[in-house]
Structures are given as C-alpha cells and as structure tokens.
C-alpha cells in the first residue's frame, strides 16, 4: 500500500526503453516514492496543472521532475518554461534528461532554470548523485528510511 504522504517523482519521457531504464535506476535505490511516467509534454502540462484527463487529480506537486527535451506535442523546453512561469510549480526541481548535444538546448534549459542537465543514456553513477541530492533536499525516501 502506497504511503499517501510520499510525493511522486514525475518522469516525462516518450522513449519507453529510456523510461524503463530510468525507473530501474530509481528502483536500485529502493525508492518508496511513486513514479508517474507520462509520454508527452501535453500530458505533463495537464497533469501538473490538474486539467483535461487529470482535472480530478489532487493538487499536489511532484517532489522532482525528470524531463526529456525531445517530447511529442509540447517540447521539453516549452514544458520547463511553463513550469517556471507558474507560481504553483516554479519551485519544483527539474532534471533535464537529453541525448541532445545541441548547445542551444543546454542554454535554453539553463535559461529556464533546470536544476541540472543529465546526458542520456543516464549513467547509473550520475543518477546516484541526483538521487542522493534529491533524498536530502526534495523528499525522496527509500525502504531503509521508512
């Protein structure tokens, strides 16, 4: 049974293999927080702002967002811009996961205050640092802490 006090991790990733690898990396840390996986930027906007299919969702922010940039419907940079522009979501840590080597993507992510940029495929050791920081700062919990 899920602990209702644990805030979720929001993973916005359209590539199923990358999503599965990210979720497996989270499980290696015995993560208790639920992971919500969405496939496109439009779904993520609806989820975060409790509209459309998610209109009845309790208005609670995820503790952290793992965001791919190359998303269908709404590009990751546009999603990040919307997150930062809204007072309700502006403080959520957003880690950008990207296979892009385009400096413009990196500059845009920094301009819209991405917490960090992680190249894909996400290396486990790099992800370990993200999870360690998230556990301290953003309310991620593992089985050892429950």
N, C-alpha and C. Protein backbone atom coordinates (compact mmCIF):
# COMPACT_ATOMS: atom_id res chain seq x y z
N UNK A 1 0.84 -1.19 0.00
CA UNK A 1 0.00 0.00 0.00
C UNK A 1 0.88 1.25 0.00
N UNK A 2 0.61 2.17 -0.88
CA UNK A 2 1.41 3.38 -1.02
C UNK A 2 1.14 4.33 0.14
N UNK A 3 2.19 4.98 0.60
CA UNK A 3 2.09 5.97 1.65
C UNK A 3 1.58 7.27 1.02
N UNK A 4 0.40 7.75 1.44
CA UNK A 4 -0.17 8.95 0.80
C UNK A 4 0.66 10.21 1.04
N UNK A 5 1.59 10.17 2.01
CA UNK A 5 2.39 11.35 2.30
C UNK A 5 3.61 11.46 1.39
N UNK A 6 3.94 10.39 0.66
CA UNK A 6 5.08 10.43 -0.23
C UNK A 6 4.69 11.11 -1.54
N UNK A 7 5.41 12.16 -1.87
CA UNK A 7 5.15 12.84 -3.13
C UNK A 7 5.82 12.08 -4.26
N UNK A 8 5.19 12.12 -5.44
CA UNK A 8 5.70 11.32 -6.54
C UNK A 8 6.86 11.99 -7.27
N UNK A 9 7.55 11.13 -8.00
CA UNK A 9 8.56 11.56 -8.97
C UNK A 9 7.83 11.55 -10.31
N UNK A 10 7.91 12.64 -11.04
CA UNK A 10 7.28 12.72 -12.36
C UNK A 10 8.35 12.51 -13.42
N UNK A 11 8.20 11.46 -14.21
CA UNK A 11 9.10 11.16 -15.31
C UNK A 11 8.36 11.46 -16.61
N UNK A 12 8.88 12.41 -17.38
CA UNK A 12 8.27 12.77 -18.66
C UNK A 12 9.26 12.33 -19.75
N UNK A 13 8.94 11.19 -20.36
CA UNK A 13 9.86 10.55 -21.30
C UNK A 13 9.05 9.77 -22.32
N UNK A 14 9.26 10.06 -23.61
CA UNK A 14 8.50 9.37 -24.64
C UNK A 14 9.14 8.07 -25.11
N UNK A 15 10.42 7.87 -24.85
CA UNK A 15 11.10 6.65 -25.25
C UNK A 15 10.91 5.60 -24.15
N UNK A 16 10.20 4.54 -24.48
CA UNK A 16 9.87 3.52 -23.47
C UNK A 16 11.11 2.86 -22.87
N UNK A 17 12.13 2.63 -23.69
CA UNK A 17 13.35 2.00 -23.18
C UNK A 17 14.05 2.92 -22.19
N UNK A 18 14.18 4.21 -22.55
CA UNK A 18 14.80 5.17 -21.63
C UNK A 18 13.98 5.29 -20.34
N UNK A 19 12.66 5.27 -20.46
CA UNK A 19 11.80 5.35 -19.28
C UNK A 19 12.02 4.13 -18.38
N UNK A 20 12.05 2.94 -18.99
CA UNK A 20 12.26 1.72 -18.20
C UNK A 20 13.61 1.74 -17.51
N UNK A 21 14.67 2.18 -18.22
CA UNK A 21 16.00 2.25 -17.60
C UNK A 21 16.03 3.24 -16.45
N UNK A 22 15.36 4.37 -16.60
CA UNK A 22 15.30 5.36 -15.53
C UNK A 22 14.56 4.82 -14.32
N UNK A 23 13.45 4.15 -14.56
CA UNK A 23 12.67 3.57 -13.46
C UNK A 23 13.47 2.47 -12.77
N UNK A 24 14.20 1.66 -13.54
CA UNK A 24 15.06 0.63 -12.94
C UNK A 24 16.14 1.26 -12.07
N UNK A 25 16.74 2.36 -12.55
CA UNK A 25 17.75 3.05 -11.75
C UNK A 25 17.15 3.56 -10.45
N UNK A 26 15.93 4.08 -10.50
CA UNK A 26 15.26 4.54 -9.28
C UNK A 26 15.01 3.37 -8.33
N UNK A 27 14.61 2.23 -8.88
CA UNK A 27 14.34 1.05 -8.05
C UNK A 27 15.60 0.52 -7.38
N UNK A 28 16.76 0.69 -8.03
CA UNK A 28 18.02 0.25 -7.42
C UNK A 28 18.27 0.98 -6.10
N UNK A 29 17.67 2.13 -5.94
CA UNK A 29 17.80 2.89 -4.70
C UNK A 29 16.69 2.56 -3.71
N UNK A 30 15.89 1.54 -4.00
CA UNK A 30 14.77 1.14 -3.14
C UNK A 30 13.83 2.31 -2.89
N UNK A 31 13.57 3.07 -3.92
CA UNK A 31 12.73 4.26 -3.82
C UNK A 31 11.31 3.90 -3.40
N UNK A 32 10.79 4.57 -2.41
CA UNK A 32 9.41 4.39 -1.98
C UNK A 32 8.46 5.33 -2.69
N UNK A 33 8.95 6.49 -3.09
CA UNK A 33 8.10 7.45 -3.77
C UNK A 33 7.54 6.83 -5.05
N UNK A 34 6.26 7.03 -5.30
CA UNK A 34 5.70 6.52 -6.55
C UNK A 34 6.27 7.30 -7.74
N UNK A 35 6.42 6.60 -8.86
CA UNK A 35 6.88 7.24 -10.09
C UNK A 35 5.70 7.31 -11.05
N UNK A 36 5.42 8.51 -11.52
CA UNK A 36 4.39 8.72 -12.53
C UNK A 36 5.12 8.94 -13.84
N UNK A 37 4.85 8.08 -14.82
CA UNK A 37 5.50 8.19 -16.12
C UNK A 37 4.49 8.68 -17.15
N UNK A 38 4.81 9.79 -17.80
CA UNK A 38 3.98 10.35 -18.87
C UNK A 38 4.80 10.39 -20.15
N UNK A 39 4.12 10.20 -21.29
CA UNK A 39 4.81 10.04 -22.57
C UNK A 39 4.99 11.31 -23.39
N UNK A 40 4.31 12.39 -23.03
CA UNK A 40 4.47 13.59 -23.86
C UNK A 40 4.26 14.85 -23.02
N UNK A 41 4.71 15.96 -23.59
CA UNK A 41 4.65 17.24 -22.89
C UNK A 41 3.24 17.73 -22.62
N UNK A 42 2.30 17.41 -23.52
CA UNK A 42 0.91 17.80 -23.32
C UNK A 42 0.31 17.09 -22.10
N UNK A 43 0.58 15.80 -21.97
CA UNK A 43 0.11 15.06 -20.80
C UNK A 43 0.70 15.67 -19.52
N UNK A 44 1.99 16.01 -19.58
CA UNK A 44 2.65 16.56 -18.39
C UNK A 44 2.04 17.89 -17.97
N UNK A 45 1.74 18.76 -18.94
CA UNK A 45 1.09 20.03 -18.62
C UNK A 45 -0.27 19.79 -17.97
N UNK A 46 -1.06 18.88 -18.56
CA UNK A 46 -2.37 18.57 -17.98
C UNK A 46 -2.21 18.00 -16.57
N UNK A 47 -1.25 17.13 -16.38
CA UNK A 47 -1.02 16.52 -15.06
C UNK A 47 -0.64 17.58 -14.03
N UNK A 48 0.36 18.39 -14.37
CA UNK A 48 0.86 19.39 -13.41
C UNK A 48 -0.18 20.45 -13.07
N UNK A 49 -1.01 20.82 -14.04
CA UNK A 49 -1.98 21.88 -13.81
C UNK A 49 -3.40 21.37 -13.60
N UNK A 50 -3.50 20.03 -13.35
CA UNK A 50 -4.78 19.39 -12.98
C UNK A 50 -5.91 19.75 -13.96
N UNK A 51 -5.69 19.46 -15.22
CA UNK A 51 -6.70 19.75 -16.23
C UNK A 51 -6.83 18.55 -17.17
N UNK A 52 -7.80 18.60 -18.06
CA UNK A 52 -8.00 17.51 -19.00
C UNK A 52 -8.27 16.20 -18.27
N UNK A 53 -7.57 15.14 -18.67
CA UNK A 53 -7.73 13.84 -18.02
C UNK A 53 -7.38 13.86 -16.54
N UNK A 54 -6.62 14.86 -16.12
CA UNK A 54 -6.16 14.94 -14.73
C UNK A 54 -6.89 16.01 -13.93
N UNK A 55 -8.04 16.45 -14.40
CA UNK A 55 -8.79 17.52 -13.74
C UNK A 55 -9.18 17.14 -12.32
N UNK A 56 -9.40 15.87 -12.04
CA UNK A 56 -9.79 15.45 -10.70
C UNK A 56 -8.62 15.09 -9.79
N UNK A 57 -7.40 15.21 -10.30
CA UNK A 57 -6.22 14.86 -9.51
C UNK A 57 -6.05 15.84 -8.35
N UNK A 58 -5.71 15.31 -7.18
CA UNK A 58 -5.43 16.24 -6.07
C UNK A 58 -4.29 17.19 -6.46
N UNK A 59 -4.43 18.43 -6.11
CA UNK A 59 -3.44 19.44 -6.49
C UNK A 59 -2.22 19.33 -5.56
N UNK A 60 -1.35 18.41 -5.91
CA UNK A 60 -0.11 18.21 -5.16
C UNK A 60 1.02 18.07 -6.16
N UNK A 61 2.08 18.83 -5.95
CA UNK A 61 3.20 18.80 -6.87
C UNK A 61 4.07 17.58 -6.64
N UNK A 62 4.69 17.07 -7.71
CA UNK A 62 5.70 16.03 -7.51
C UNK A 62 6.90 16.61 -6.77
N UNK A 63 7.69 15.75 -6.13
CA UNK A 63 8.86 16.25 -5.42
C UNK A 63 9.99 16.58 -6.39
N UNK A 64 9.98 15.95 -7.55
CA UNK A 64 11.01 16.19 -8.56
C UNK A 64 10.46 15.76 -9.92
N UNK A 65 10.95 16.43 -10.97
CA UNK A 65 10.56 16.08 -12.34
C UNK A 65 11.82 15.69 -13.11
N UNK A 66 11.75 14.55 -13.78
CA UNK A 66 12.80 14.10 -14.69
C UNK A 66 12.23 14.30 -16.09
N UNK A 67 12.83 15.20 -16.86
CA UNK A 67 12.23 15.70 -18.09
C UNK A 67 13.11 15.49 -19.31
N UNK A 68 12.59 14.76 -20.28
CA UNK A 68 13.23 14.65 -21.58
C UNK A 68 12.94 15.93 -22.35
N UNK A 69 13.84 16.32 -23.24
CA UNK A 69 13.59 17.53 -24.04
C UNK A 69 12.82 17.24 -25.31
N UNK A 70 13.17 16.18 -26.01
CA UNK A 70 12.56 15.88 -27.31
C UNK A 70 11.26 15.11 -27.10
N UNK A 71 10.21 15.84 -26.78
CA UNK A 71 8.91 15.24 -26.49
C UNK A 71 7.90 15.56 -27.58
N UNK A 72 6.96 14.64 -27.80
CA UNK A 72 5.86 14.97 -28.71
C UNK A 72 4.89 15.96 -28.06
N UNK A 73 4.13 16.63 -28.87
CA UNK A 73 3.06 17.57 -28.51
C UNK A 73 3.59 18.87 -27.93
N UNK A 74 4.32 18.82 -26.83
CA UNK A 74 4.91 20.02 -26.23
C UNK A 74 6.38 19.70 -25.94
N UNK A 75 7.28 20.46 -26.55
CA UNK A 75 8.72 20.24 -26.36
C UNK A 75 9.10 20.43 -24.89
N UNK A 76 10.12 19.73 -24.47
CA UNK A 76 10.56 19.81 -23.08
C UNK A 76 10.92 21.22 -22.62
N UNK A 77 11.54 22.02 -23.49
CA UNK A 77 11.87 23.40 -23.12
C UNK A 77 10.59 24.20 -22.89
N UNK A 78 9.58 24.01 -23.72
CA UNK A 78 8.31 24.72 -23.52
C UNK A 78 7.63 24.28 -22.23
N UNK A 79 7.75 23.00 -21.91
CA UNK A 79 7.21 22.50 -20.65
C UNK A 79 7.96 23.10 -19.47
N UNK A 80 9.27 23.12 -19.54
CA UNK A 80 10.08 23.72 -18.48
C UNK A 80 9.73 25.20 -18.30
N UNK A 81 9.56 25.92 -19.40
CA UNK A 81 9.18 27.34 -19.34
C UNK A 81 7.84 27.51 -18.62
N UNK A 82 6.86 26.64 -18.94
CA UNK A 82 5.55 26.71 -18.29
C UNK A 82 5.65 26.39 -16.80
N UNK A 83 6.49 25.43 -16.46
CA UNK A 83 6.68 25.07 -15.04
C UNK A 83 7.26 26.27 -14.28
N UNK A 84 8.26 26.90 -14.84
CA UNK A 84 8.92 28.02 -14.15
C UNK A 84 8.05 29.28 -14.13
N UNK A 85 7.14 29.43 -15.07
CA UNK A 85 6.31 30.63 -15.14
C UNK A 85 5.14 30.60 -14.19
N UNK A 86 4.81 29.44 -13.66
CA UNK A 86 3.64 29.31 -12.80
C UNK A 86 4.07 29.25 -11.34
N UNK A 87 3.53 30.12 -10.48
CA UNK A 87 3.94 30.11 -9.07
C UNK A 87 3.69 28.77 -8.37
N UNK A 88 2.68 28.03 -8.85
CA UNK A 88 2.35 26.75 -8.23
C UNK A 88 3.44 25.71 -8.47
N UNK A 89 4.11 25.78 -9.62
CA UNK A 89 5.09 24.75 -9.99
C UNK A 89 6.53 25.27 -10.09
N UNK A 90 6.72 26.55 -9.94
CA UNK A 90 8.05 27.14 -10.21
C UNK A 90 9.17 26.59 -9.33
N UNK A 91 8.86 26.12 -8.16
CA UNK A 91 9.90 25.64 -7.25
C UNK A 91 10.22 24.16 -7.36
N UNK A 92 9.57 23.45 -8.26
CA UNK A 92 9.83 22.02 -8.40
C UNK A 92 11.20 21.80 -9.06
N UNK A 93 12.06 21.00 -8.46
CA UNK A 93 13.33 20.68 -9.13
C UNK A 93 13.07 19.91 -10.42
N UNK A 94 13.70 20.35 -11.51
CA UNK A 94 13.52 19.70 -12.81
C UNK A 94 14.90 19.30 -13.35
N UNK A 95 15.10 18.00 -13.49
CA UNK A 95 16.32 17.47 -14.08
C UNK A 95 16.03 17.15 -15.54
N UNK A 96 16.76 17.78 -16.43
CA UNK A 96 16.58 17.56 -17.85
C UNK A 96 17.44 16.39 -18.29
N UNK A 97 16.80 15.39 -18.88
CA UNK A 97 17.47 14.22 -19.43
C UNK A 97 17.47 14.38 -20.94
N UNK A 98 18.64 14.40 -21.56
CA UNK A 98 18.66 14.64 -23.00
C UNK A 98 19.79 13.90 -23.68
N UNK A 99 19.50 13.44 -24.88
CA UNK A 99 20.54 12.87 -25.73
C UNK A 99 21.06 13.93 -26.70
N UNK A 100 20.49 15.11 -26.64
CA UNK A 100 20.90 16.21 -27.50
C UNK A 100 22.32 16.66 -27.14
N UNK A 101 23.06 17.03 -28.15
CA UNK A 101 24.37 17.64 -27.93
C UNK A 101 24.33 19.09 -28.42
N UNK A 102 23.11 19.60 -28.60
CA UNK A 102 22.88 20.94 -29.12
C UNK A 102 23.07 21.95 -27.99
N UNK A 103 24.04 22.82 -28.15
CA UNK A 103 24.32 23.83 -27.12
C UNK A 103 23.12 24.74 -26.88
N UNK A 104 22.31 24.97 -27.91
CA UNK A 104 21.12 25.81 -27.75
C UNK A 104 20.13 25.16 -26.76
N UNK A 105 19.98 23.83 -26.84
CA UNK A 105 19.13 23.13 -25.88
C UNK A 105 19.64 23.33 -24.46
N UNK A 106 20.96 23.20 -24.29
CA UNK A 106 21.54 23.37 -22.96
C UNK A 106 21.35 24.80 -22.46
N UNK A 107 21.56 25.76 -23.34
CA UNK A 107 21.40 27.17 -22.96
C UNK A 107 19.94 27.45 -22.58
N UNK A 108 19.00 26.92 -23.35
CA UNK A 108 17.58 27.11 -23.03
C UNK A 108 17.23 26.47 -21.69
N UNK A 109 17.73 25.27 -21.45
CA UNK A 109 17.45 24.60 -20.18
C UNK A 109 18.00 25.41 -19.01
N UNK A 110 19.19 25.95 -19.16
CA UNK A 110 19.77 26.78 -18.10
C UNK A 110 18.97 28.08 -17.93
N UNK A 111 18.57 28.68 -19.06
CA UNK A 111 17.83 29.94 -19.00
C UNK A 111 16.51 29.76 -18.24
N UNK A 112 15.89 28.60 -18.41
CA UNK A 112 14.63 28.34 -17.71
C UNK A 112 14.85 27.55 -16.41
N UNK A 113 16.06 27.66 -15.90
CA UNK A 113 16.41 27.21 -14.56
C UNK A 113 16.19 25.71 -14.31
N UNK A 114 16.64 24.90 -15.27
CA UNK A 114 16.68 23.46 -14.99
C UNK A 114 17.61 23.25 -13.81
N UNK A 115 17.26 22.36 -12.93
CA UNK A 115 18.09 22.07 -11.77
C UNK A 115 19.43 21.52 -12.20
N UNK A 116 19.41 20.63 -13.20
CA UNK A 116 20.63 20.06 -13.74
C UNK A 116 20.32 19.43 -15.09
N UNK A 117 21.34 19.22 -15.88
CA UNK A 117 21.21 18.54 -17.17
C UNK A 117 21.96 17.23 -17.09
N UNK A 118 21.29 16.15 -17.45
CA UNK A 118 21.91 14.83 -17.45
C UNK A 118 21.86 14.26 -18.85
N UNK A 119 23.02 13.89 -19.39
CA UNK A 119 23.01 13.30 -20.72
C UNK A 119 22.40 11.90 -20.69
N UNK A 120 21.70 11.54 -21.78
CA UNK A 120 21.16 10.19 -21.92
C UNK A 120 22.10 9.41 -22.82
N UNK A 121 22.27 8.13 -22.62
CA UNK A 121 21.59 7.38 -21.57
C UNK A 121 22.13 7.78 -20.22
N UNK A 122 21.25 7.81 -19.24
CA UNK A 122 21.63 8.21 -17.89
C UNK A 122 22.53 7.12 -17.31
N UNK A 123 23.74 7.51 -16.96
CA UNK A 123 24.66 6.57 -16.33
C UNK A 123 24.26 6.41 -14.87
N UNK A 124 24.33 5.19 -14.38
CA UNK A 124 23.90 4.92 -13.02
C UNK A 124 24.66 5.77 -12.00
N UNK A 125 25.96 5.94 -12.19
CA UNK A 125 26.74 6.71 -11.23
C UNK A 125 26.30 8.17 -11.21
N UNK A 126 25.97 8.74 -12.38
CA UNK A 126 25.47 10.12 -12.42
C UNK A 126 24.11 10.21 -11.74
N UNK A 127 23.28 9.21 -12.00
CA UNK A 127 21.95 9.19 -11.42
C UNK A 127 22.03 9.03 -9.90
N UNK A 128 23.04 8.31 -9.44
CA UNK A 128 23.23 8.12 -7.99
C UNK A 128 23.40 9.47 -7.30
N UNK A 129 24.14 10.37 -7.92
CA UNK A 129 24.32 11.70 -7.34
C UNK A 129 23.03 12.48 -7.30
N UNK A 130 22.22 12.37 -8.35
CA UNK A 130 20.92 13.05 -8.39
C UNK A 130 20.03 12.52 -7.27
N UNK A 131 19.96 11.20 -7.13
CA UNK A 131 19.10 10.61 -6.11
C UNK A 131 19.60 10.98 -4.71
N UNK A 132 20.90 10.95 -4.50
CA UNK A 132 21.43 11.32 -3.19
C UNK A 132 21.04 12.75 -2.83
N UNK A 133 21.16 13.68 -3.78
CA UNK A 133 20.76 15.07 -3.52
C UNK A 133 19.26 15.17 -3.33
N UNK A 134 18.51 14.46 -4.15
CA UNK A 134 17.05 14.51 -4.04
C UNK A 134 16.58 13.96 -2.70
N UNK A 135 17.22 12.93 -2.21
CA UNK A 135 16.84 12.38 -0.91
C UNK A 135 17.01 13.43 0.18
N UNK A 136 18.08 14.19 0.09
CA UNK A 136 18.34 15.21 1.11
C UNK A 136 17.43 16.42 0.97
N UNK A 137 17.21 16.85 -0.26
CA UNK A 137 16.56 18.13 -0.48
C UNK A 137 15.09 18.07 -0.86
N UNK A 138 14.62 16.98 -1.46
CA UNK A 138 13.31 17.01 -2.08
C UNK A 138 12.37 15.92 -1.65
N UNK A 139 12.66 15.23 -0.57
CA UNK A 139 11.66 14.31 -0.02
C UNK A 139 11.56 12.95 -0.67
N UNK A 140 12.66 12.44 -1.22
CA UNK A 140 12.64 11.05 -1.70
C UNK A 140 12.97 10.14 -0.53
N UNK A 141 12.30 9.01 -0.46
CA UNK A 141 12.51 8.09 0.64
C UNK A 141 12.77 6.69 0.11
N UNK A 142 13.63 5.97 0.82
CA UNK A 142 13.95 4.61 0.46
C UNK A 142 13.44 3.67 1.55
N UNK A 143 13.41 2.38 1.25
CA UNK A 143 12.93 1.39 2.21
C UNK A 143 13.70 1.45 3.53
N UNK A 144 14.99 1.75 3.45
CA UNK A 144 15.82 1.81 4.67
C UNK A 144 15.38 2.93 5.62
N UNK A 145 14.72 3.96 5.07
CA UNK A 145 14.33 5.11 5.88
C UNK A 145 12.90 5.03 6.37
N UNK A 146 12.14 4.08 5.86
CA UNK A 146 10.72 4.01 6.20
C UNK A 146 10.50 3.54 7.61
